[in-house]
Amino acid sequence: MAVTQVRTDATSSAISPEGALTRARLSDLREEFAANPAHRIAQNAATQVTVDDITLNRAIVAATDHTFSNQLDDWSVTNQKRSGRCWLFAGLNLLRVGTMKKLGLKSFEFSQSYLMFWDKLERANYFLEAIIETADRVPDDRVVSFLLSQPCEDGGQWNMFVNLVKKHGLVPKAFMPETESSSNSGRMNSILRRKLREGARTLRDLHASGASPSELGAAKDEIIGVIYRILSIHLGTPPEQFTWQWTDKDKAFHRDANLTPRAFADRYVDLPLDEYVCLVNDPRPASPFGRTFTVEYLGNVLGGDIVTYLNVEVDLMKKITQRTIEDGEPVWFGCDVGKMMRRDVGLWDADMFDYGALYDTSFNMDKAARLTYGETQMTHAMLFTGVDVVDGEPRRWRVENSWGDEGGQKGYYTMNDSWFGEYTFEIAARKSYLPGELLEALTCDPIVLPAWDPMGALAR
């Protein structure tokens, strides 16, 4: 058994363990702070206004206008409200560009609630199957504990989006509109988590008692029935068939009768989803460039495509993003949205705030270290809809967000190129933009990262 070393505090008769903060050290800290007038001024400022207001680099704000040499969007932004559906909104916003052209409409939205319903149901099934697969492990096994920590969250990944569209199709927003729970998902999610954890206990208890695979499957099916009922109560019942009619921008009337959601997607979505791959920039030493990765137990549709990342240098990611936009197509991407962001002006820059000057210190972890030590991860998905190019190189990017039109420039944001390299982690790109050696890499079995790796954070 280890023995804790102790020492006597010079200002007290108390015995302190080795490494404890002594009264003498605390007194020194107080005196050092009080002796520096810059620290006192910083204290006065930070106790009255926000740290971001104090440290804002106004030179960057003043030097950045919101014009772009290549801009695709001429439509209004969407609003995910109080939910974590950014990945669904970004995916549907990408698809609607071609759909609006086919329909001859100036504005259009797919139903986000529709895909949310199917994602929740599919993910519940995925989770329960993972619980059965790991039923031999103790409950505090790290994988089991991780699964139980977040059985049915709002987030997701590009491959998960594609799986939903391919299996369940799409519907216009009118046929499954927003509800209180789709726009404010917290309470519904807490009910789903409660039921799924209860279901996990049931399945693990059955397994421990020697239940057969068919008995476990029957028990899982009963739980899925309850989840379907909860989702229907909160989100509505997904339509199986509908008639879509609309008047285009030239005042011509159209009607398309007896459509299933899959038929609607097949008819009005023109992007070849199977031709896309998710590129990531993960510079950690253990993550080799030019290799594919996946994350254990990251998925939604059992039997669908697994989440697969191809790790590339950030400069290649930028070049592919620029080329895609110049070819007339927006780009789905994932990033750490809250870092170095000024929401009211709609701007990201790697040096947006000078926190080091305020606190008289330095913050010097690079992207790889921030990933390793939990200081950064993917938190949000959006669309690139423009790029400003000077002498062939991008200097800033236009972003379509899904936070409504109150922030930024009516919901659109500007990302200076310095921010792209530090806080953008992934894009969905056509395989045709990849060099030959990376196409070959797609045929290799992916490296499996643990379930809790930050590369899976967007789905959490």
Protein backbone atom coordinates (compact mmCIF):
# COMPACT_ATOMS: atom_id res chain seq x y z
CA MET A 1 0.00 0.00 0.00
CA ALA A 2 1.34 3.46 -0.94
CA VAL A 3 2.23 5.79 1.93
CA THR A 4 1.29 9.48 1.62
CA GLN A 5 4.16 11.79 2.54
CA VAL A 6 3.27 14.68 4.84
CA ARG A 7 4.91 17.96 5.75
CA THR A 8 4.28 20.61 8.37
CA ASP A 9 2.95 23.97 7.11
CA ALA A 10 5.31 26.69 8.28
CA THR A 11 2.40 28.93 9.32
CA SER A 12 0.26 26.25 10.96
CA SER A 13 0.56 23.21 13.13
CA ALA A 14 -1.62 21.30 10.64
CA ILE A 15 -0.07 18.42 8.74
CA SER A 16 -0.36 18.76 4.90
CA PRO A 17 0.07 15.95 2.37
CA GLU A 18 2.97 16.25 -0.09
CA GLY A 19 1.93 18.54 -2.95
CA ALA A 20 -0.87 20.32 -1.07
CA LEU A 21 -1.26 24.09 -1.32
CA THR A 22 0.15 25.55 1.89
CA ARG A 23 -1.00 28.73 3.58
CA ALA A 24 2.37 30.28 2.77
CA ARG A 25 1.98 29.55 -0.92
CA LEU A 26 -1.54 30.94 -0.96
CA SER A 27 -0.31 34.11 0.70
CA ASP A 28 2.40 34.46 -1.94
CA LEU A 29 -0.15 34.07 -4.74
CA ARG A 30 -2.34 36.82 -3.29
CA GLU A 31 0.61 39.19 -2.94
CA GLU A 32 1.92 38.48 -6.45
CA PHE A 33 -1.49 39.23 -7.97
CA ALA A 34 -2.00 42.42 -5.97
CA ALA A 35 1.49 43.71 -6.82
CA ASN A 36 0.84 43.78 -10.58
CA PRO A 37 -1.33 46.72 -11.73
CA ALA A 38 -2.09 45.00 -15.07
CA HIS A 39 -3.67 42.10 -13.19
CA ARG A 40 -5.82 44.47 -11.16
CA ILE A 41 -6.98 46.28 -14.30
CA ALA A 42 -7.81 42.96 -15.94
CA GLN A 43 -9.81 42.00 -12.84
CA ASN A 44 -11.76 45.26 -12.95
CA ALA A 45 -12.58 44.73 -16.62
CA ALA A 46 -13.51 41.04 -16.43
CA THR A 47 -15.83 41.54 -13.48
CA GLN A 48 -17.84 44.11 -15.48
CA VAL A 49 -17.95 42.87 -19.09
CA THR A 50 -17.38 39.60 -20.94
CA VAL A 51 -13.89 38.26 -21.49
CA ASP A 52 -14.54 38.09 -25.25
CA ASP A 53 -15.39 41.80 -25.33
CA ILE A 54 -12.14 42.61 -23.52
CA THR A 55 -9.88 40.43 -25.66
CA LEU A 56 -11.53 40.94 -29.07
CA ASN A 57 -8.99 41.68 -31.79
CA ARG A 58 -10.77 44.61 -33.40
CA ALA A 59 -8.19 44.86 -36.15
CA ILE A 60 -9.36 41.47 -37.45
CA VAL A 61 -13.02 42.47 -37.30
CA ALA A 62 -12.33 45.75 -39.10
CA ALA A 63 -10.19 44.09 -41.77
CA THR A 64 -12.71 41.40 -42.67
CA ASP A 65 -15.55 42.25 -45.01
CA HIS A 66 -18.13 39.68 -46.00
CA THR A 67 -17.67 39.53 -49.78
CA PHE A 68 -16.46 36.53 -51.77
CA SER A 69 -15.09 35.94 -55.22
CA ASN A 70 -17.11 32.70 -55.37
CA GLN A 71 -20.53 32.62 -53.69
CA LEU A 72 -23.21 30.02 -54.35
CA ASP A 73 -26.06 30.78 -51.96
CA ASP A 74 -29.08 32.91 -52.74
CA TRP A 75 -31.47 31.24 -50.31
CA SER A 76 -32.48 31.71 -46.67
CA VAL A 77 -30.88 29.79 -43.82
CA THR A 78 -32.61 27.15 -41.71
CA ASN A 79 -32.94 26.88 -37.93
CA GLN A 80 -32.26 23.77 -35.85
CA LYS A 81 -33.32 25.68 -32.72
CA ARG A 82 -32.66 23.93 -29.39
CA SER A 83 -31.52 20.61 -30.81
CA GLY A 84 -28.29 18.94 -31.88
CA ARG A 85 -29.39 18.16 -35.44
CA CYS A 86 -26.73 20.27 -37.18
CA TRP A 87 -25.43 17.29 -39.20
CA LEU A 88 -28.96 16.57 -40.52
CA PHE A 89 -29.60 20.23 -41.31
CA ALA A 90 -26.24 20.58 -43.08
CA GLY A 91 -26.86 17.42 -45.10
CA LEU A 92 -30.38 18.42 -46.08
CA ASN A 93 -29.23 21.96 -46.88
CA LEU A 94 -26.67 20.47 -49.26
CA LEU A 95 -29.27 18.29 -50.97
CA ARG A 96 -31.87 21.03 -51.28
CA VAL A 97 -29.65 23.08 -53.63
CA GLY A 98 -30.17 20.66 -56.51
CA THR A 99 -33.75 19.93 -55.47
CA MET A 100 -34.69 23.63 -55.68
CA LYS A 101 -33.30 23.70 -59.22
CA LYS A 102 -35.27 20.60 -60.23
CA LEU A 103 -38.48 21.95 -58.71
CA GLY A 104 -37.94 25.46 -60.02
CA LEU A 105 -38.27 26.92 -56.52
CA LYS A 106 -36.49 29.84 -54.88
CA SER A 107 -36.87 28.31 -51.42
CA PHE A 108 -37.44 24.78 -50.15
CA GLU A 109 -36.75 22.65 -47.09
CA PHE A 110 -36.82 18.92 -46.55
CA SER A 111 -38.41 17.73 -43.32
CA GLN A 112 -35.71 17.59 -40.67
CA SER A 113 -38.18 15.99 -38.24
CA TYR A 114 -38.64 13.09 -40.63
CA LEU A 115 -34.98 12.12 -40.61
CA MET A 116 -34.74 12.84 -36.89
CA PHE A 117 -37.50 10.27 -36.26
CA TRP A 118 -35.77 7.55 -38.23
CA ASP A 119 -32.34 8.37 -36.81
CA LYS A 120 -33.65 8.04 -33.25
CA LEU A 121 -35.35 4.72 -33.99
CA GLU A 122 -32.41 3.28 -35.92
CA ARG A 123 -29.98 4.47 -33.28
CA ALA A 124 -32.04 2.87 -30.52
CA ASN A 125 -31.84 -0.44 -32.38
CA TYR A 126 -28.09 0.04 -32.96
CA PHE A 127 -27.57 0.73 -29.25
CA LEU A 128 -29.58 -2.29 -28.07
CA GLU A 129 -27.68 -4.59 -30.43
CA ALA A 130 -24.42 -3.21 -29.02
CA ILE A 131 -25.71 -3.94 -25.51
CA ILE A 132 -26.42 -7.55 -26.50
CA GLU A 133 -22.99 -7.85 -28.13
CA THR A 134 -21.24 -6.63 -24.97
CA ALA A 135 -23.50 -8.45 -22.49
CA ASP A 136 -20.62 -10.66 -21.27
CA ARG A 137 -18.75 -7.61 -19.97
CA VAL A 138 -19.21 -6.05 -16.53
CA PRO A 139 -21.38 -2.88 -16.42
CA ASP A 140 -18.41 -0.65 -15.60
CA ASP A 141 -16.37 -1.95 -18.53
CA ARG A 142 -15.27 1.20 -20.34
CA VAL A 143 -17.09 0.35 -23.57
CA VAL A 144 -20.33 -0.61 -21.82
CA SER A 145 -20.12 2.48 -19.63
CA PHE A 146 -19.60 4.63 -22.71
CA LEU A 147 -22.57 3.08 -24.50
CA LEU A 148 -24.81 3.69 -21.49
CA SER A 149 -23.64 7.28 -21.16
CA GLN A 150 -25.27 8.41 -24.41
CA PRO A 151 -27.62 5.86 -25.96
CA CYS A 152 -29.65 8.21 -28.16
CA GLU A 153 -28.11 11.64 -28.75
CA ASP A 154 -29.00 14.22 -31.41
CA GLY A 155 -25.62 14.39 -33.16
CA GLY A 156 -24.38 12.39 -36.10
CA GLN A 157 -21.91 11.99 -38.95
CA TRP A 158 -21.95 12.20 -42.75
CA ASN A 159 -22.16 8.43 -43.31
CA MET A 160 -25.03 8.25 -40.83
CA PHE A 161 -26.89 10.92 -42.80
CA VAL A 162 -26.38 9.02 -46.04
CA ASN A 163 -27.61 5.79 -44.42
CA LEU A 164 -30.87 7.45 -43.42
CA VAL A 165 -31.53 8.96 -46.85
CA LYS A 166 -30.78 5.69 -48.64
CA LYS A 167 -33.01 3.60 -46.38
CA HIS A 168 -35.86 5.95 -45.52
CA GLY A 169 -35.87 8.59 -48.25
CA LEU A 170 -36.98 12.19 -47.78
CA VAL A 171 -40.16 14.25 -47.59
CA PRO A 172 -40.86 17.97 -47.97
CA LYS A 173 -41.13 19.80 -44.67
CA ALA A 174 -44.89 20.29 -45.05
CA PHE A 175 -45.52 16.55 -44.68
CA MET A 176 -43.71 16.24 -41.34
CA PRO A 177 -43.25 19.72 -39.87
CA GLU A 178 -41.37 20.75 -36.76
CA THR A 179 -42.80 19.92 -33.34
CA GLU A 180 -42.00 21.16 -29.86
CA SER A 181 -39.73 18.15 -29.33
CA SER A 182 -37.91 18.32 -32.65
CA SER A 183 -37.07 21.98 -32.02
CA ASN A 184 -36.40 21.52 -28.30
CA SER A 185 -35.23 17.92 -27.96
CA GLY A 186 -33.94 17.84 -24.39
CA ARG A 187 -36.97 16.40 -22.61
CA MET A 188 -37.72 13.82 -25.33
CA ASN A 189 -34.09 12.70 -25.25
CA SER A 190 -34.16 12.29 -21.48
CA ILE A 191 -37.21 9.99 -21.81
CA LEU A 192 -35.52 7.98 -24.57
CA ARG A 193 -32.33 7.63 -22.53
CA ARG A 194 -34.32 6.44 -19.53
CA LYS A 195 -36.16 3.81 -21.55
CA LEU A 196 -33.08 2.60 -23.38
CA ARG A 197 -31.04 2.22 -20.21
CA GLU A 198 -33.93 0.28 -18.71
CA GLY A 199 -33.92 -1.83 -21.86
CA ALA A 200 -30.18 -2.39 -21.52
CA ARG A 201 -30.70 -3.69 -18.00
CA THR A 202 -33.45 -6.04 -19.23
CA LEU A 203 -31.30 -7.45 -22.02
CA ARG A 204 -28.24 -7.89 -19.81
CA ASP A 205 -30.32 -9.62 -17.12
CA LEU A 206 -31.83 -11.95 -19.72
CA HIS A 207 -28.39 -12.76 -21.07
CA ALA A 208 -27.10 -13.48 -17.56
CA SER A 209 -30.01 -15.88 -16.99
CA GLY A 210 -29.10 -17.87 -20.12
CA ALA A 211 -31.65 -16.47 -22.58
CA SER A 212 -31.29 -17.64 -26.18
CA PRO A 213 -30.52 -15.25 -29.07
CA SER A 214 -34.14 -15.47 -30.23
CA GLU A 215 -35.39 -14.59 -26.73
CA LEU A 216 -33.03 -11.63 -26.60
CA GLY A 217 -34.22 -10.55 -30.05
CA ALA A 218 -37.86 -10.73 -28.98
CA ALA A 219 -37.15 -8.66 -25.87
CA LYS A 220 -35.29 -6.09 -27.95
CA ASP A 221 -38.21 -5.88 -30.37
CA GLU A 222 -40.59 -5.06 -27.52
CA ILE A 223 -38.31 -2.20 -26.44
CA ILE A 224 -38.16 -0.91 -30.01
CA GLY A 225 -41.96 -0.89 -30.08
CA VAL A 226 -42.00 1.40 -27.05
CA ILE A 227 -39.36 3.68 -28.60
CA TYR A 228 -41.43 3.95 -31.79
CA ARG A 229 -44.45 4.94 -29.72
CA ILE A 230 -42.51 7.59 -27.80
CA LEU A 231 -41.09 9.04 -31.01
CA SER A 232 -44.52 9.12 -32.68
CA ILE A 233 -45.98 10.97 -29.71
CA HIS A 234 -43.20 13.57 -29.76
CA LEU A 235 -42.48 13.95 -33.48
CA GLY A 236 -45.58 12.69 -35.30
CA THR A 237 -45.94 9.63 -37.53
CA PRO A 238 -43.73 9.57 -40.64
CA PRO A 239 -45.75 9.59 -43.89
CA GLU A 240 -45.64 6.48 -46.06
CA GLN A 241 -47.09 8.11 -49.19
CA PHE A 242 -48.01 11.63 -50.22
CA THR A 243 -48.88 13.85 -53.17
CA TRP A 244 -46.49 16.73 -53.73
CA GLN A 245 -47.72 19.77 -55.60
CA TRP A 246 -46.13 23.17 -56.02
CA THR A 247 -46.03 26.35 -58.07
CA ASP A 248 -42.57 27.15 -59.41
CA LYS A 249 -40.91 30.55 -59.66
CA ASP A 250 -42.32 30.95 -63.19
CA LYS A 251 -45.87 30.50 -61.80
CA ALA A 252 -46.28 27.05 -63.37
CA PHE A 253 -48.24 24.52 -61.29
CA HIS A 254 -46.98 20.93 -60.79
CA ARG A 255 -48.34 17.81 -59.09
CA ASP A 256 -46.57 14.51 -58.37
CA ALA A 257 -48.97 11.98 -56.88
CA ASN A 258 -48.58 8.86 -54.73
CA LEU A 259 -44.92 9.36 -53.86
CA THR A 260 -43.15 7.32 -51.22
CA PRO A 261 -40.33 9.06 -49.34
CA ARG A 262 -37.75 6.95 -51.14
CA ALA A 263 -39.32 7.70 -54.52
CA PHE A 264 -39.28 11.42 -53.71
CA ALA A 265 -35.58 11.26 -52.84
CA ASP A 266 -34.76 9.25 -55.95
CA ARG A 267 -36.64 11.68 -58.17
CA TYR A 268 -35.60 15.04 -56.74
CA VAL A 269 -32.12 14.55 -55.24
CA ASP A 270 -29.39 14.75 -57.85
CA LEU A 271 -26.24 14.28 -55.73
CA PRO A 272 -24.70 10.80 -56.08
CA LEU A 273 -24.34 10.12 -52.34
CA ASP A 274 -22.42 6.89 -52.87
CA GLU A 275 -19.68 8.90 -54.57
CA TYR A 276 -18.85 10.89 -51.43
CA VAL A 277 -16.20 10.17 -48.81
CA CYS A 278 -15.57 11.86 -45.47
CA LEU A 279 -12.12 13.46 -45.31
CA VAL A 280 -10.72 14.38 -41.90
CA ASN A 281 -7.68 16.24 -40.71
CA ASP A 282 -6.40 14.48 -37.59
CA PRO A 283 -2.74 15.46 -37.02
CA ARG A 284 -2.18 13.34 -33.91
CA PRO A 285 1.07 11.32 -34.17
CA ALA A 286 -0.83 8.05 -33.89
CA SER A 287 -3.11 8.96 -36.83
CA PRO A 288 -1.21 8.48 -40.12
CA PHE A 289 -2.24 10.55 -43.11
CA GLY A 290 -3.43 8.57 -46.10
CA ARG A 291 -5.19 5.94 -43.97
CA THR A 292 -8.85 5.29 -43.27
CA PHE A 293 -10.33 5.25 -39.78
CA THR A 294 -13.57 4.35 -38.09
CA VAL A 295 -14.77 4.69 -34.51
CA GLU A 296 -16.05 1.67 -32.59
CA TYR A 297 -19.83 1.70 -32.06
CA LEU A 298 -20.29 4.91 -34.04
CA GLY A 299 -23.32 4.49 -36.28
CA ASN A 300 -27.09 4.44 -36.57
CA VAL A 301 -28.44 2.08 -39.25
CA LEU A 302 -27.52 -1.52 -38.53
CA GLY A 303 -26.37 -2.99 -41.84
CA GLY A 304 -25.70 0.44 -43.32
CA ASP A 305 -22.31 1.83 -44.26
CA ILE A 306 -19.93 2.28 -41.35
CA VAL A 307 -18.60 5.72 -40.52
CA THR A 308 -15.32 5.92 -42.44
CA TYR A 309 -12.80 8.75 -42.42
CA LEU A 310 -9.86 9.25 -44.75
CA ASN A 311 -7.15 11.24 -42.96
CA VAL A 312 -5.55 13.94 -45.13
CA GLU A 313 -3.35 17.00 -44.77
CA VAL A 314 -5.35 20.18 -44.14
CA ASP A 315 -3.99 21.89 -47.27
CA LEU A 316 -5.48 19.13 -49.43
CA MET A 317 -8.78 19.49 -47.60
CA LYS A 318 -8.75 23.21 -48.39
CA LYS A 319 -7.93 22.62 -52.06
CA ILE A 320 -10.76 20.12 -52.48
CA THR A 321 -13.20 22.43 -50.70
CA GLN A 322 -12.17 25.36 -52.90
CA ARG A 323 -12.42 23.33 -56.09
CA THR A 324 -15.84 21.96 -55.16
CA ILE A 325 -17.22 25.45 -54.55
CA GLU A 326 -15.66 26.76 -57.77
CA ASP A 327 -17.40 23.87 -59.56
CA GLY A 328 -20.74 25.11 -58.19
CA GLU A 329 -21.42 22.82 -55.21
CA PRO A 330 -21.51 23.61 -51.47
CA VAL A 331 -19.48 21.47 -49.06
CA TRP A 332 -20.69 19.75 -45.88
CA PHE A 333 -18.13 20.10 -43.05
CA GLY A 334 -17.59 19.53 -39.33
CA CYS A 335 -15.66 21.78 -36.95
CA ASP A 336 -15.19 22.99 -33.37
CA VAL A 337 -17.65 25.83 -33.79
CA GLY A 338 -17.33 27.69 -30.49
CA LYS A 339 -13.60 28.36 -30.61
CA MET A 340 -12.44 31.87 -31.58
CA MET A 341 -15.92 32.88 -32.78
CA ARG A 342 -17.71 36.21 -32.70
CA ARG A 343 -21.36 35.35 -33.25
CA ASP A 344 -22.85 38.84 -33.48
CA VAL A 345 -20.66 39.77 -36.44
CA GLY A 346 -20.58 36.21 -37.79
CA LEU A 347 -16.81 35.74 -37.86
CA TRP A 348 -14.19 33.09 -37.04
CA ASP A 349 -10.46 33.78 -36.92
CA ALA A 350 -7.67 31.81 -35.22
CA ASP A 351 -6.57 35.03 -33.45
CA MET A 352 -10.02 36.47 -32.76
CA PHE A 353 -9.37 36.85 -29.02
CA ASP A 354 -6.08 37.62 -27.25
CA TYR A 355 -6.70 35.68 -24.06
CA GLY A 356 -2.98 35.41 -23.38
CA ALA A 357 -2.63 39.17 -23.00
CA LEU A 358 -5.51 39.36 -20.53
CA TYR A 359 -4.27 36.53 -18.31
CA ASP A 360 -0.54 37.19 -18.74
CA THR A 361 0.12 33.70 -20.01
CA SER A 362 0.29 31.76 -23.26
CA PHE A 363 -1.98 29.15 -24.80
CA ASN A 364 0.29 27.15 -27.06
CA MET A 365 -1.17 23.70 -27.75
CA ASP A 366 -1.34 22.87 -31.44
CA LYS A 367 -4.25 21.05 -33.08
CA ALA A 368 -2.84 17.59 -32.36
CA ALA A 369 -2.26 18.38 -28.69
CA ARG A 370 -5.71 19.90 -28.32
CA LEU A 371 -7.25 16.69 -29.67
CA THR A 372 -5.10 14.52 -27.42
CA TYR A 373 -5.81 16.47 -24.24
CA GLY A 374 -9.52 17.10 -24.76
CA GLU A 375 -9.32 20.78 -25.65
CA THR A 376 -10.94 20.42 -29.07
CA GLN A 377 -13.27 18.11 -30.95
CA MET A 378 -15.96 18.27 -33.62
CA THR A 379 -19.03 20.01 -32.23
CA HIS A 380 -21.00 21.30 -35.22
CA ALA A 381 -21.67 20.68 -38.91
CA MET A 382 -22.45 23.34 -41.52
CA LEU A 383 -22.03 24.13 -45.22
CA PHE A 384 -19.34 26.02 -47.06
CA THR A 385 -21.17 28.07 -49.71
CA GLY A 386 -18.44 30.46 -50.82
CA VAL A 387 -14.73 31.15 -50.91
CA ASP A 388 -12.72 34.32 -51.48
CA VAL A 389 -9.68 33.49 -53.61
CA VAL A 390 -6.65 35.74 -54.13
CA ASP A 391 -3.88 34.60 -56.51
CA GLY A 392 -5.29 31.09 -56.45
CA GLU A 393 -5.29 30.78 -52.65
CA PRO A 394 -8.29 30.99 -50.31
CA ARG A 395 -8.25 33.78 -47.75
CA ARG A 396 -11.75 33.37 -46.29
CA TRP A 397 -14.78 31.09 -46.52
CA ARG A 398 -18.54 31.71 -46.50
CA VAL A 399 -20.56 29.43 -44.22
CA GLU A 400 -24.26 28.62 -44.18
CA ASN A 401 -25.21 27.90 -40.59
CA SER A 402 -28.46 26.43 -39.22
CA TRP A 403 -28.98 28.79 -36.26
CA GLY A 404 -31.61 30.99 -37.90
CA ASP A 405 -31.08 34.42 -39.44
CA GLU A 406 -30.44 36.54 -36.34
CA GLY A 407 -26.67 35.93 -36.05
CA GLY A 408 -23.98 36.78 -38.56
CA GLN A 409 -25.06 38.14 -41.93
CA LYS A 410 -28.68 36.93 -41.90
CA GLY A 411 -27.45 33.54 -40.71
CA TYR A 412 -24.35 33.35 -42.92
CA TYR A 413 -20.89 33.53 -41.38
CA THR A 414 -17.35 34.32 -42.52
CA MET A 415 -14.43 32.05 -41.66
CA ASN A 416 -10.96 33.47 -42.16
CA ASP A 417 -8.57 30.89 -43.56
CA SER A 418 -6.45 30.85 -40.40
CA TRP A 419 -9.40 29.32 -38.55
CA PHE A 420 -9.98 26.57 -41.16
CA GLY A 421 -6.64 24.94 -40.45
CA GLU A 422 -6.99 25.03 -36.67
CA TYR A 423 -10.62 24.12 -36.05
CA THR A 424 -12.08 22.47 -39.18
CA PHE A 425 -11.85 18.68 -38.96
CA GLU A 426 -13.80 17.12 -41.83
CA ILE A 427 -15.56 17.59 -45.14
CA ALA A 428 -17.70 15.38 -47.33
CA ALA A 429 -16.12 15.31 -50.78
CA ARG A 430 -16.60 13.56 -54.10
CA LYS A 431 -14.10 10.76 -54.62
CA SER A 432 -13.30 12.17 -58.05
CA TYR A 433 -11.41 15.04 -56.39
CA LEU A 434 -8.98 12.68 -54.65
CA PRO A 435 -5.51 11.83 -56.02
CA GLY A 436 -4.95 8.22 -57.06
CA GLU A 437 -3.04 7.11 -53.98
CA LEU A 438 -5.88 8.24 -51.70
CA LEU A 439 -8.45 6.47 -53.83
CA GLU A 440 -6.43 3.32 -53.32
CA ALA A 441 -6.37 3.97 -49.56
CA LEU A 442 -10.18 3.77 -49.52
CA THR A 443 -9.95 0.07 -50.35
CA CYS A 444 -7.99 -0.74 -47.16
CA ASP A 445 -9.60 -1.87 -43.92
CA PRO A 446 -9.94 1.13 -41.60
CA ILE A 447 -8.07 1.53 -38.35
CA VAL A 448 -10.58 1.20 -35.49
CA LEU A 449 -10.44 3.98 -32.93
CA PRO A 450 -12.03 3.46 -29.49
CA ALA A 451 -15.67 4.47 -28.99
CA TRP A 452 -14.71 7.53 -26.92
CA ASP A 453 -12.19 8.95 -29.40
CA PRO A 454 -12.76 12.65 -30.22
CA MET A 455 -13.23 11.75 -33.88
CA GLY A 456 -16.66 10.47 -32.86
CA ALA A 457 -17.65 13.61 -30.96
CA LEU A 458 -19.96 15.10 -33.60
CA ALA A 459 -22.36 12.20 -33.09
CA ARG A 460 -22.46 12.89 -29.37
